C-alpha atoms as a PDB file:
ATOM      1  CA  MET A   1      12.877  -2.828   0.758  1.00  0.00           C
ATOM      2  CA  PRO A   2      10.905  -0.564  -1.587  1.00  0.00           C
ATOM      3  CA  GLY A   3      12.978   0.911  -5.080  1.00  0.00           C
ATOM      4  CA  SER A   4      15.175  -0.873  -7.376  1.00  0.00           C
ATOM      5  CA  GLU A   5      16.576  -3.917  -7.052  1.00  0.00           C
ATOM      6  CA  THR A   6      19.284  -4.667  -4.386  1.00  0.00           C
ATOM      7  CA  PRO A   7      22.456  -4.636  -5.827  1.00  0.00           C
ATOM      8  CA  SER A   8      24.056  -7.961  -4.596  1.00  0.00           C
ATOM      9  CA  GLU A   9      27.074  -6.788  -3.588  1.00  0.00           C
ATOM     10  CA  TYR A  10      25.139  -5.216  -0.628  1.00  0.00           C
ATOM     11  CA  LEU A  11      23.508  -8.652   0.055  1.00  0.00           C
ATOM     12  CA  CYS A  12      25.283 -11.194   3.120  1.00  0.00           C
ATOM     13  CA  CYS A  13      26.594 -14.595   0.792  1.00  0.00           C
ATOM     14  CA  LEU A  14      24.967 -16.494   3.941  1.00  0.00           C
ATOM     15  CA  SER A  15      21.670 -14.709   4.855  1.00  0.00           C
ATOM     16  CA  LYS A  16      20.900 -13.170   1.187  1.00  0.00           C
ATOM     17  CA  LYS A  17      19.290 -10.068   3.083  1.00  0.00           C
ATOM     18  CA  LEU A  18      20.844  -6.357   2.811  1.00  0.00           C
ATOM     19  CA  MET A  19      24.210  -6.172   5.341  1.00  0.00           C
ATOM     20  CA  LYS A  20      24.302  -3.399   8.493  1.00  0.00           C
ATOM     21  CA  TYR A  21      27.692  -4.540   9.479  1.00  0.00           C
ATOM     22  CA  PRO A  22      29.305  -6.259   6.321  1.00  0.00           C
ATOM     23  CA  VAL A  23      32.351  -7.933   7.137  1.00  0.00           C
ATOM     24  CA  ARG A  24      34.946  -9.817   4.771  1.00  0.00           C
ATOM     25  CA  SER A  25      36.489 -13.072   4.931  1.00  0.00           C
ATOM     26  CA  LYS A  26      39.666 -14.167   3.995  1.00  0.00           C
ATOM     27  CA  TYR A  27      38.575 -15.503   0.633  1.00  0.00           C
ATOM     28  CA  GLY A  28      36.993 -11.959  -0.265  1.00  0.00           C
ATOM     29  CA  HIS A  29      33.419 -12.636   0.084  1.00  0.00           C
ATOM     30  CA  HIS A  30      31.244 -10.133   2.807  1.00  0.00           C
ATOM     31  CA  PHE A  31      28.859 -11.743   5.717  1.00  0.00           C
ATOM     32  CA  GLU A  32      26.462  -9.868   7.803  1.00  0.00           C
ATOM     33  CA  ARG A  33      29.071  -9.694  10.796  1.00  0.00           C
ATOM     34  CA  SER A  34      26.065 -11.672  12.587  1.00  0.00           C
ATOM     35  CA  ALA A  35      25.466 -14.180  10.390  1.00  0.00           C
ATOM     36  CA  ILE A  36      28.804 -15.501   9.997  1.00  0.00           C
ATOM     37  CA  GLU A  37      29.539 -15.417  13.623  1.00  0.00           C
ATOM     38  CA  LYS A  38      26.810 -17.582  14.078  1.00  0.00           C
ATOM     39  CA  PHE A  39      27.851 -19.569  11.344  1.00  0.00           C
ATOM     40  CA  ILE A  40      31.054 -20.139  12.136  1.00  0.00           C
ATOM     41  CA  GLN A  41      30.135 -21.291  16.072  1.00  0.00           C
ATOM     42  CA  SER A  42      28.692 -24.633  14.567  1.00  0.00           C
ATOM     43  CA  ASN A  43      31.226 -24.580  11.330  1.00  0.00           C
ATOM     44  CA  SER A  44      34.496 -24.536  10.392  1.00  0.00           C
ATOM     45  CA  PHE A  45      34.740 -23.600   6.913  1.00  0.00           C
ATOM     46  CA  CYS A  46      33.392 -21.495   4.846  1.00  0.00           C
ATOM     47  CA  PRO A  47      29.716 -21.205   3.619  1.00  0.00           C
ATOM     48  CA  VAL A  48      30.486 -20.160   0.165  1.00  0.00           C
ATOM     49  CA  THR A  49      33.792 -21.890  -0.596  1.00  0.00           C
ATOM     50  CA  GLY A  50      33.760 -24.669   1.842  1.00  0.00           C
ATOM     51  CA  ASN A  51      37.317 -23.956   2.584  1.00  0.00           C
ATOM     52  CA  PRO A  52      38.302 -23.682   6.404  1.00  0.00           C
ATOM     53  CA  LEU A  53      37.395 -20.644   8.128  1.00  0.00           C
ATOM     54  CA  SER A  54      37.620 -19.244  11.822  1.00  0.00           C
ATOM     55  CA  GLU A  55      36.991 -16.086  13.652  1.00  0.00           C
ATOM     56  CA  SER A  56      40.301 -14.869  13.084  1.00  0.00           C
ATOM     57  CA  ASP A  57      39.643 -15.492   9.183  1.00  0.00           C
ATOM     58  CA  ILE A  58      37.170 -12.547   9.395  1.00  0.00           C
ATOM     59  CA  GLY A  59      37.819  -9.035   9.015  1.00  0.00           C
ATOM     60  CA  PRO A  60      36.303  -5.898  10.914  1.00  0.00           C
ATOM     61  CA  VAL A  61      33.292  -4.318   9.201  1.00  0.00           C
ATOM     62  CA  ASN A  62      34.129  -2.571   6.079  1.00  0.00           C
ATOM     63  CA  LYS A  63      33.156   0.988   6.401  1.00  0.00           C
ATOM     64  CA  THR A  64      33.396   2.034   2.744  1.00  0.00           C
ATOM     65  CA  LEU A  65      30.791  -0.997   2.039  1.00  0.00           C
ATOM     66  CA  GLN A  66      28.483   0.124   4.641  1.00  0.00           C
ATOM     67  CA  TRP A  67      28.234   3.710   3.555  1.00  0.00           C
ATOM     68  CA  LYS A  68      27.656   2.561   0.407  1.00  0.00           C
ATOM     69  CA  ILE A  69      24.530   0.436   1.491  1.00  0.00           C
ATOM     70  CA  LYS A  70      23.725   3.170   3.933  1.00  0.00           C
ATOM     71  CA  ALA A  71      23.731   5.766   1.139  1.00  0.00           C
ATOM     72  CA  TRP A  72      21.594   3.589  -1.068  1.00  0.00           C
ATOM     73  CA  VAL A  73      18.962   2.626   1.411  1.00  0.00           C
ATOM     74  CA  ASN A  74      18.606   6.526   2.115  1.00  0.00           C
ATOM     75  CA  LYS A  75      18.208   7.065  -1.805  1.00  0.00           C
ATOM     76  CA  ASN A  76      15.874   4.546  -2.045  1.00  0.00           C
ATOM     77  CA  GLU A  77      13.545   5.515   0.674  1.00  0.00           C
ATOM     78  CA  THR A  78      13.304   9.175  -0.405  1.00  0.00           C
ATOM     79  CA  GLU A  79      12.395   8.043  -3.589  1.00  0.00           C
ATOM     80  CA  ALA A  80       9.665   5.852  -2.218  1.00  0.00           C
ATOM     81  CA  GLN A  81       8.094   8.245   0.291  1.00  0.00           C
ATOM     82  CA  GLU A  82       8.510  11.200  -2.922  1.00  0.00           C
ATOM     83  CA  ASN A  83       6.317   8.389  -5.044  1.00  0.00           C
ATOM     84  CA  SER A  84       4.017   8.157  -2.432  1.00  0.00           C
ATOM     85  CA  GLU A  85       3.665  11.924  -1.530  1.00  0.00           C
ATOM     86  CA  SER A  86       2.821  12.225  -5.897  1.00  0.00           C
ATOM     87  CA  SER A  87       0.859   9.712  -5.693  1.00  0.00           C
ATOM     88  CA  SER A  88      -1.806  11.010  -2.886  1.00  0.00           C
ATOM     89  CA  GLU A  89      -2.035  14.664  -4.650  1.00  0.00           C
ATOM     90  CA  GLY A  90      -5.279  15.818  -4.788  1.00  0.00           C
ATOM     91  CA  ALA A  91      -6.761  13.820  -2.374  1.00  0.00           C
ATOM     92  CA  PRO A  92      -9.064  15.549   0.260  1.00  0.00           C
ATOM     93  CA  GLN A  93      -7.035  16.138   3.523  1.00  0.00           C
ATOM     94  CA  HIS A  94      -8.840  13.779   5.960  1.00  0.00           C
ATOM     95  CA  PHE A  95      -7.789  10.597   3.510  1.00  0.00           C
ATOM     96  CA  HIS A  96      -4.076  11.722   4.936  1.00  0.00           C
ATOM     97  CA  CYS A  97      -2.930   9.645   8.070  1.00  0.00           C
ATOM     98  CA  PRO A  98      -1.784  12.261  10.840  1.00  0.00           C
ATOM     99  CA  LEU A  99       1.465  10.066  10.892  1.00  0.00           C
ATOM    100  CA  THR A 100       2.530   9.121   7.072  1.00  0.00           C
ATOM    101  CA  LYS A 101       0.788  11.713   5.214  1.00  0.00           C
ATOM    102  CA  THR A 102      -0.433   9.736   2.771  1.00  0.00           C
ATOM    103  CA  VAL A 103      -3.868   8.709   1.968  1.00  0.00           C
ATOM    104  CA  MET A 104      -4.650   5.722   4.158  1.00  0.00           C
ATOM    105  CA  GLN A 105      -5.286   1.945   3.098  1.00  0.00           C
ATOM    106  CA  GLU A 106      -6.852   0.721   6.461  1.00  0.00           C
ATOM    107  CA  PRO A 107      -8.006   3.389   8.389  1.00  0.00           C
ATOM    108  CA  VAL A 108      -8.825   3.272  11.953  1.00  0.00           C
ATOM    109  CA  VAL A 109     -10.336   5.857  14.721  1.00  0.00           C
ATOM    110  CA  THR A 110      -9.525   6.436  18.333  1.00  0.00           C
ATOM    111  CA  LYS A 111     -12.456   7.503  20.575  1.00  0.00           C
ATOM    112  CA  GLU A 112     -11.626  11.010  20.123  1.00  0.00           C
ATOM    113  CA  GLY A 113     -12.583  10.479  16.290  1.00  0.00           C
ATOM    114  CA  VAL A 114      -8.929  10.711  15.029  1.00  0.00           C
ATOM    115  CA  SER A 115      -7.987   8.111  11.850  1.00  0.00           C
ATOM    116  CA  TYR A 116      -4.822   6.917  11.360  1.00  0.00           C
ATOM    117  CA  GLU A 117      -3.211   3.821   8.892  1.00  0.00           C
ATOM    118  CA  ARG A 118      -3.381   1.035  11.212  1.00  0.00           C
ATOM    119  CA  SER A 119       0.334   0.053  10.689  1.00  0.00           C
ATOM    120  CA  ALA A 120       1.560   3.411  11.551  1.00  0.00           C
ATOM    121  CA  ILE A 121      -0.459   4.241  14.865  1.00  0.00           C
ATOM    122  CA  LEU A 122       0.290   0.639  15.634  1.00  0.00           C
ATOM    123  CA  LYS A 123       3.712   1.232  15.624  1.00  0.00           C
ATOM    124  CA  TRP A 124       3.544   4.208  16.972  1.00  0.00           C
ATOM    125  CA  LEU A 125       1.949   2.930  20.008  1.00  0.00           C
ATOM    126  CA  LYS A 126       4.762   0.229  20.438  1.00  0.00           C
ATOM    127  CA  GLU A 127       7.010   3.233  21.821  1.00  0.00           C
ATOM    128  CA  GLN A 128       3.817   5.314  23.035  1.00  0.00           C
ATOM    129  CA  ASP A 129       0.957   5.494  24.814  1.00  0.00           C
ATOM    130  CA  VAL A 130      -0.739   8.222  23.741  1.00  0.00           C
ATOM    131  CA  CYS A 131      -2.591   9.782  20.753  1.00  0.00           C
ATOM    132  CA  PRO A 132       0.115  11.715  18.397  1.00  0.00           C
ATOM    133  CA  VAL A 133      -2.333  14.233  17.767  1.00  0.00           C
ATOM    134  CA  THR A 134      -4.460  14.909  21.020  1.00  0.00           C
ATOM    135  CA  CYS A 135      -1.620  13.084  23.572  1.00  0.00           C
ATOM    136  CA  SER A 136      -4.344  11.501  25.535  1.00  0.00           C
ATOM    137  CA  PRO A 137      -3.657   8.286  26.944  1.00  0.00           C
ATOM    138  CA  LEU A 138      -3.831   5.648  23.946  1.00  0.00           C
ATOM    139  CA  SER A 139      -3.923   2.294  23.324  1.00  0.00           C
ATOM    140  CA  PRO A 140      -4.488  -0.537  20.606  1.00  0.00           C
ATOM    141  CA  SER A 141      -7.709  -1.507  22.250  1.00  0.00           C
ATOM    142  CA  ASN A 142      -9.057   1.996  22.052  1.00  0.00           C
ATOM    143  CA  LEU A 143      -8.814   1.896  17.616  1.00  0.00           C
ATOM    144  CA  ALA A 144     -11.762   0.937  15.467  1.00  0.00           C
ATOM    145  CA  PRO A 145     -11.784   0.190  11.987  1.00  0.00           C
ATOM    146  CA  ASN A 146     -13.309   3.399  10.621  1.00  0.00           C
ATOM    147  CA  ALA A 147     -15.487   1.971   7.753  1.00  0.00           C
ATOM    148  CA  LYS A 148     -17.058   5.381   6.455  1.00  0.00           C
ATOM    149  CA  LEU A 149     -13.693   6.335   5.775  1.00  0.00           C
ATOM    150  CA  GLN A 150     -12.623   3.881   4.338  1.00  0.00           C
ATOM    151  CA  GLU A 151     -15.398   3.769   1.811  1.00  0.00           C
ATOM    152  CA  GLU A 152     -14.818   6.951   0.957  1.00  0.00           C
ATOM    153  CA  ILE A 153     -11.140   6.441   0.093  1.00  0.00           C
ATOM    154  CA  ASP A 154     -11.996   3.322  -1.815  1.00  0.00           C
ATOM    155  CA  ASP A 155     -14.833   5.276  -3.960  1.00  0.00           C
ATOM    156  CA  TRP A 156     -12.379   8.154  -4.525  1.00  0.00           C
ATOM    157  CA  LEU A 157      -9.741   5.177  -5.843  1.00  0.00           C
ATOM    158  CA  LEU A 158     -12.158   3.762  -7.715  1.00  0.00           C
ATOM    159  CA  PHE A 159     -13.271   6.917 -10.056  1.00  0.00           C
ATOM    160  CA  GLY A 160      -9.386   7.456 -10.818  1.00  0.00           C
ATOM    161  CA  GLY A 161      -8.469   9.981  -7.368  1.00  0.00           C
ATOM    162  CA  ALA A 162     -10.959  11.868  -8.113  1.00  0.00           C
ATOM    163  CA  LEU A 163     -14.298  11.700  -6.122  1.00  0.00           C
ATOM    164  CA  PRO A 164     -17.387  10.241  -7.391  1.00  0.00           C
ATOM    165  CA  PRO A 165     -20.330  12.232  -8.864  1.00  0.00           C
ATOM    166  CA  SER A 166     -23.440  13.102  -6.999  1.00  0.00           C
ATOM    167  CA  PRO A 167     -26.859  11.242  -8.493  1.00  0.00           C
ATOM    168  CA  SER A 168     -27.933  14.446  -9.684  1.00  0.00           C
ATOM    169  CA  THR A 169     -24.789  14.922 -11.944  1.00  0.00           C
ATOM    170  CA  ALA A 170     -24.867  11.400 -13.130  1.00  0.00           C
ATOM    171  CA  ALA A 171     -28.359  11.740 -14.575  1.00  0.00           C
ATOM    172  CA  LYS A 172     -27.944  14.757 -16.095  1.00  0.00           C
ATOM    173  CA  ALA A 173     -25.141  13.436 -17.706  1.00  0.00           C
ATOM    174  CA  THR A 174     -27.080  10.916 -19.259  1.00  0.00           C
ATOM    175  CA  CYS A 175     -30.477  12.614 -20.140  1.00  0.00           C
ATOM    176  CA  GLU A 176     -28.125  15.387 -22.148  1.00  0.00           C
ATOM    177  CA  THR A 177     -27.387  11.884 -24.817  1.00  0.00           C
ATOM    178  CA  SER A 178     -29.059  12.483 -27.986  1.00  0.00           C
ATOM    179  CA  LEU A 179     -30.278   8.680 -27.612  1.00  0.00           C
ATOM    180  CA  PRO A 180     -33.826   8.250 -27.435  1.00  0.00           C
ATOM    181  CA  PHE A 181     -35.015   7.459 -24.014  1.00  0.00           C
ATOM    182  CA  SER A 182     -36.560   3.785 -25.194  1.00  0.00           C
ATOM    183  CA  LYS A 183     -32.993   2.728 -26.254  1.00  0.00           C
ATOM    184  CA  MET A 184     -31.071   3.986 -23.202  1.00  0.00           C
ATOM    185  CA  PRO A 185     -29.821   1.023 -21.372  1.00  0.00           C
ATOM    186  CA  THR A 186     -31.265  -0.606 -18.809  1.00  0.00           C
ATOM    187  CA  LEU A 187     -29.545  -0.015 -15.393  1.00  0.00           C
ATOM    188  CA  ASN A 188     -29.768  -3.280 -13.650  1.00  0.00           C
ATOM    189  CA  PHE A 189     -28.566  -3.535  -9.973  1.00  0.00           C
ATOM    190  CA  GLN A 190     -29.694  -7.505  -9.762  1.00  0.00           C
ATOM    191  CA  SER A 191     -25.846  -7.463 -12.029  1.00  0.00           C
ATOM    192  CA  SER A 192     -24.342 -11.228 -12.164  1.00  0.00           C
ATOM    193  CA  LEU A 193     -21.205  -9.273 -10.851  1.00  0.00           C
ATOM    194  CA  TYR A 194     -22.989  -9.960  -7.213  1.00  0.00           C
ATOM    195  CA  GLN A 195     -22.884 -13.440  -7.467  1.00  0.00           C
ATOM    196  CA  GLY A 196     -20.366 -15.202  -5.473  1.00  0.00           C
ATOM    197  CA  LEU A 197     -19.877 -12.129  -3.168  1.00  0.00           C
ATOM    198  CA  PRO A 198     -18.670 -12.829   0.656  1.00  0.00           C
ATOM    199  CA  THR A 199     -22.272 -13.266   2.780  1.00  0.00           C
ATOM    200  CA  SER A 200     -20.427 -15.291   5.616  1.00  0.00           C
ATOM    201  CA  ARG A 201     -19.807 -13.932   8.728  1.00  0.00           C
ATOM    202  CA  GLY A 202     -16.436 -12.452   8.510  1.00  0.00           C
ATOM    203  CA  SER A 203     -16.040 -12.656   4.725  1.00  0.00           C
ATOM    204  CA  GLY A 204     -16.452  -9.026   4.317  1.00  0.00           C
ATOM    205  CA  ASN A 205     -19.563  -6.981   4.900  1.00  0.00           C
ATOM    206  CA  PRO A 206     -21.773  -7.872   1.307  1.00  0.00           C
ATOM    207  CA  ASP A 207     -23.621  -4.720   1.360  1.00  0.00           C
ATOM    208  CA  ARG A 208     -20.695  -2.817   0.833  1.00  0.00           C
ATOM    209  CA  PHE A 209     -19.297  -4.847  -2.041  1.00  0.00           C
ATOM    210  CA  LYS A 210     -23.119  -4.810  -3.485  1.00  0.00           C
ATOM    211  CA  LYS A 211     -22.637  -0.828  -3.513  1.00  0.00           C
ATOM    212  CA  ARG A 212     -19.771  -0.959  -5.280  1.00  0.00           C
ATOM    213  CA  PHE A 213     -20.975  -3.002  -7.844  1.00  0.00           C
ATOM    214  CA  ALA A 214     -23.879  -1.222  -8.393  1.00  0.00           C
ATOM    215  CA  LYS A 215     -21.744   2.057  -8.841  1.00  0.00           C
ATOM    216  CA  GLU A 216     -19.247  -0.176 -11.166  1.00  0.00           C
ATOM    217  CA  ASP A 217     -22.803  -0.936 -13.186  1.00  0.00           C
ATOM    218  CA  LEU A 218     -24.203   2.640 -13.281  1.00  0.00           C
ATOM    219  CA  ILE A 219     -20.719   3.677 -14.758  1.00  0.00           C
ATOM    220  CA  ALA A 220     -20.513   0.971 -17.266  1.00  0.00           C
ATOM    221  CA  CYS A 221     -24.246   1.642 -18.249  1.00  0.00           C
ATOM    222  CA  LEU A 222     -23.368   5.740 -18.373  1.00  0.00           C
ATOM    223  CA  ASP A 223     -20.320   4.614 -20.514  1.00  0.00           C
ATOM    224  CA  GLU A 224     -22.622   2.443 -22.656  1.00  0.00           C
ATOM    225  CA  ALA A 225     -25.001   5.399 -23.395  1.00  0.00           C
ATOM    226  CA  ILE A 226     -22.345   7.682 -24.001  1.00  0.00           C
ATOM    227  CA  SER A 227     -20.821   5.581 -26.709  1.00  0.00           C
ATOM    228  CA  CYS A 228     -24.465   4.603 -28.324  1.00  0.00           C
ATOM    229  CA  SER A 229     -25.213   8.421 -28.477  1.00  0.00           C
ATOM    230  CA  ALA A 230     -21.787   8.886 -30.569  1.00  0.00           C
ATOM    231  CA  LEU A 231     -22.339   6.069 -32.645  1.00  0.00           C
ATOM    232  CA  GLY A 232     -25.906   7.624 -33.946  1.00  0.00           C
ATOM    233  CA  ARG A 233     -24.569  10.747 -34.229  1.00  0.00           C
ATOM    234  CA  SER A 234     -21.598   9.662 -36.582  1.00  0.00           C
ATOM    235  CA  ARG A 235     -24.795   8.035 -38.649  1.00  0.00           C
ATOM    236  CA  ASN A 236     -26.527  10.954 -39.230  1.00  0.00           C
END
């Protein structure tokens, strides 16, 4: 359950899970109705106190407690949705799943070119057999990972929720430093960061990882160049 920690009084004393239909025993403990009924079928005692307990010792659904639990769940779901929407602000529109309206973490694409968050579209297809955007027939077998979009989103996240600078912009930023070219750090794309990257089939795309680390090398070197430039100016 998203949000703050679940209050202990909302948890079943038997299953330790959030209750939907809380019932109270004659000893004052609350249980999920189905959990305590199943327990009593093979036991004749209270799972908390060890005292004798039968179905007649279990009261009806506690409507007041049930209402409190539902109110708490709704409040936390609303907060989680607001936080998710806030984290998606500024993201390109095509990064958003048409179903969740948030930035996708594992995008998949249909044959018609519509991308969705994988978990969201699979959940949709359990009850529907059409694309929610085009209304064309759709099944899980028609979905494929959208590697290109995944890379774009990963890059966007890598640069702190901003689109990565173009190569020309990065080069210009480097050239504008006052550090002599001879003292500029070398961009080493054969970094030791690449050692140990997955290479076996099924363990990921090594080229994608290398590209990612190459970008991180570039960022680190540019930061170093700017820092060295600033240090040189301060000494002057």
